[in-house]
Structure formats: structure tokens, C-alpha cells
Amino acid sequence: MTSKKHTVRVTILNEEYAIRTETSPEHTKDVARYLDQAIRQVMSSGMVVESNRAVVLAALQITSDLFEARTWLDAVKDSIDGLSDFVRPLLPPSKRAV
């Protein structure tokens, strides 16, 4: 069963967009605000004037952040798995579920 789609109006670089999404309106607005801030940060660096280039550079930075977060999450999962493997034999047999 799919969630009900909402139309959410967001503003990015002073342009309004109507986004159809299954996520909550608050989440969609937060994402749009984050993107708007990332683009404006690139533009405020003074190295980029064209908004289309700023959008691409902001998208690359956000994607890089996502990849770093995924790598960190994988490392955390590996650490938890290692800790579980270490602790499991120390537990009573009835608590050693895999």
C-alpha cells in the first residue's frame, strides 16, 4: 500500500516549485530549504555566478556528504557486528539468538 501523495510548494533560489511527494510536507520543505542553503553557500563563495553551475556544485557537495555518511554508517554497522560477535559467546545459551 502506498502513502497518499501531497503537493508541497517550496521556494528554491526565489523560484516556487510544486513538488508531488509521498513524504510529509515538513520533510519536503526541510529538504528544499537545505538545497536552497547549499546553492546559496556556493554562490556566496564568489567563485560561481551562474545559478545553474551553483546548483550542480551544490548537488555534488550534497552527494559527497551522502557518500561519506554511507561509508561511516557501514563502518558503524561493522563495529556493531564485531561487538555482537564478541559478546554473543559471553551470554547464556538461551540469549544467544543470531
Protein backbone atom coordinates (compact mmCIF):
# COMPACT_ATOMS: atom_id res chain seq x y z
CA MET A 1 0.00 0.00 0.00
CA THR A 2 1.42 3.38 -0.98
CA SER A 3 1.11 6.57 1.00
CA LYS A 4 -1.04 9.43 -0.16
CA LYS A 5 0.81 11.91 -2.34
CA HIS A 6 0.87 15.56 -1.31
CA THR A 7 1.63 18.62 -3.36
CA VAL A 8 4.02 20.83 -1.46
CA ARG A 9 5.05 24.29 -2.57
CA VAL A 10 8.70 25.11 -1.94
CA THR A 11 10.95 28.00 -2.91
CA ILE A 12 14.48 27.47 -4.17
CA LEU A 13 16.52 30.47 -5.31
CA ASN A 14 13.41 32.64 -5.21
CA GLU A 15 11.53 30.32 -7.58
CA GLU A 16 8.48 28.40 -6.44
CA TYR A 17 8.09 24.71 -7.23
CA ALA A 18 5.13 22.40 -6.66
CA ILE A 19 6.50 19.03 -5.55
CA ARG A 20 4.33 15.89 -5.56
CA THR A 21 5.62 13.54 -2.92
CA GLU A 22 4.66 10.78 -0.51
CA THR A 23 6.84 12.23 2.24
CA SER A 24 5.46 14.67 4.77
CA PRO A 25 5.17 18.32 3.75
CA GLU A 26 7.55 19.26 6.58
CA HIS A 27 10.21 16.87 5.30
CA THR A 28 9.86 18.14 1.74
CA LYS A 29 10.17 21.74 2.90
CA ASP A 30 13.23 20.89 5.02
CA VAL A 31 14.91 19.21 2.03
CA ALA A 32 14.14 22.17 -0.24
CA ARG A 33 15.44 24.60 2.39
CA TYR A 34 18.64 22.55 2.73
CA LEU A 35 19.15 22.58 -1.04
CA ASP A 36 18.46 26.32 -1.23
CA GLN A 37 21.03 26.99 1.51
CA ALA A 38 23.62 24.75 -0.18
CA ILE A 39 23.18 26.57 -3.50
CA ARG A 40 23.37 29.98 -1.84
CA GLN A 41 26.53 28.94 0.01
CA VAL A 42 28.18 28.00 -3.30
CA MET A 43 27.06 31.29 -4.83
CA SER A 44 28.29 33.32 -1.85
CA SER A 45 31.78 31.88 -2.29
CA GLY A 46 32.19 34.31 -5.17
CA MET A 47 33.66 31.65 -7.42
CA VAL A 48 30.36 30.88 -9.18
CA VAL A 49 27.95 33.43 -10.60
CA GLU A 50 25.64 31.34 -12.77
CA SER A 51 22.87 29.68 -10.78
CA ASN A 52 22.89 26.53 -12.92
CA ARG A 53 26.57 25.95 -12.11
CA ALA A 54 25.89 26.64 -8.43
CA VAL A 55 23.09 24.04 -8.46
CA VAL A 56 25.41 21.42 -9.94
CA LEU A 57 28.20 22.18 -7.46
CA ALA A 58 25.74 22.12 -4.54
CA ALA A 59 24.37 18.78 -5.76
CA LEU A 60 27.91 17.38 -5.96
CA GLN A 61 28.65 18.55 -2.41
CA ILE A 62 25.41 17.07 -1.06
CA THR A 63 26.10 13.79 -2.88
CA SER A 64 29.63 13.72 -1.48
CA ASP A 65 28.21 14.22 2.02
CA LEU A 66 25.76 11.36 1.40
CA PHE A 67 28.55 9.02 0.28
CA GLU A 68 30.63 9.92 3.35
CA ALA A 69 27.64 9.27 5.62
CA ARG A 70 27.04 5.88 3.99
CA THR A 71 30.70 4.94 4.47
CA TRP A 72 30.52 5.99 8.12
CA LEU A 73 27.27 4.05 8.60
CA ASP A 74 28.82 0.92 7.08
CA ALA A 75 31.76 1.26 9.48
CA VAL A 76 29.38 1.61 12.44
CA LYS A 77 27.42 -1.45 11.32
CA ASP A 78 30.67 -3.44 11.03
CA SER A 79 31.69 -2.31 14.53
CA ILE A 80 28.33 -3.36 15.95
CA ASP A 81 28.56 -6.73 14.20
CA GLY A 82 32.05 -7.23 15.62
CA LEU A 83 30.90 -6.29 19.09
CA SER A 84 27.93 -8.66 18.79
CA ASP A 85 30.24 -11.49 17.73
CA PHE A 86 32.43 -10.78 20.75
CA VAL A 87 29.57 -10.55 23.27
CA ARG A 88 27.39 -13.42 21.97
CA PRO A 89 29.57 -16.23 23.46
CA LEU A 90 29.51 -14.47 26.82
CA LEU A 91 25.72 -14.64 27.01
CA PRO A 92 23.74 -17.54 28.45
CA PRO A 93 22.79 -20.04 25.69
CA SER A 94 19.14 -19.01 25.79
CA LYS A 95 20.10 -15.39 24.92
CA ARG A 96 22.45 -16.18 22.02
CA ALA A 97 19.93 -15.74 19.20
CA VAL A 98 21.56 -14.94 15.89
